Amino acid sequence: MTGNGTNSWLVEHSAGTAVIDPGPDDAAHLRAIVAAARGPITHILLTHTHRDHLEGARPLAEMTGAPVCAYRHSACATFSPDIALDDGAPVATLTALHTPGHAADHLCFATGDGIVFTGDHIMGWSTTMVPPAPHGSVRLFLDSLDKVLDRDARLLLPAHGPPIPSPVLCIRGLIAHRLAREDSILAALPDEPATLDDILRRVYRAIRPALRRAAELNLLAHLEKLRDDGRAVHDHDTWRAVRDGTTA
C-alpha cells in the first residue's frame, strides 16, 4: 500500500536540517539522508506512526542525536516522541497541523511560504486509506482536508507519490471522491439488516482478494460516518439504512 516507497523530505533552516518521515529501517536510505543534509540534522519529524514512517526514526536519531518529534498522543503503543507536538506547534521553521483521518496521530507540516508536507493524508499516487475507529475516521479525514485547504498552499509534498502542484484541485477532488463513495454506499445499504460482507458485495461487485481487507476497512469507516450522521443503524453484526420517512 506504499506505492514506490516512502518519501523522506529534508527541510533546511538556520540551525541545520529537519527530516520529515525517515521511512523504514533501511541502513542505506538512512545514510543517504545524513549525506544529503546540509549542516546537522536537528529534528526528525514523523507525520504518523505507521511502520513505513516510524521504523527508521530511532536508528536515525542514534546516528545524529536529533530528537524524534511527533503528535503528543501516539497511536503506537511502543513509541513516545522525544518532543510532543500539538496542533499549531512550531518546529524547525515549520508548523505542525493535526490532521487525523488516515491515522489518529497524523500530522502535516506547513512552511511559511505555501508548502505543506502531507504525509499519508494526501498522497501523490492514490487516495489514502481511511480505516474505522479508533485508528481512523472519514469525518475527521474530511475535516482535515478542509484544514489543509484553508492553508491556501501552492504545493503539496506527500509521503508517497510525486509532488502535487495544484493543491486546491487535488483536495476538492478528494472531498468529492469521498462524498461520492458515501452516496454509493448509502444507495447500496439495504433497508433490512445486512452483514458487512453482504454490503461489501453490493458496493464492490468485483474486487481482487488482495484488496478485500482494505475494502472492508474503508466500507466500515464510511458506515460509521453514516451511523453518526443518523443515516445508518448498526445493531450487533448488521447494518441497515435510515431513509427519509423511516426511523432509526
Foldseek 3Di string as FASTA:
>chain_A
DQAPAFDWDWDADDQWIEIEQLFAQDPVSLVVVCVPTGHAHAEYEYQACDRRRNHNVVVSCVVGVHWYEFAQDHPDPVDGGPHHDDQQDDDRQWGWHQQFALFNGGTWIHHPQFEIEHEQLAAAPDNHQGFAPPTHAPVSSLVSLVVSVVSVHQWYHYGGHHIDRDSVVRSVVNNVVLVVLLVLLLVQFAQDWDALVSSLCSRPVDDDPVCVVSSSRRSVNSQVVCVVVQQWDDDPRTIHGDDVPGHD
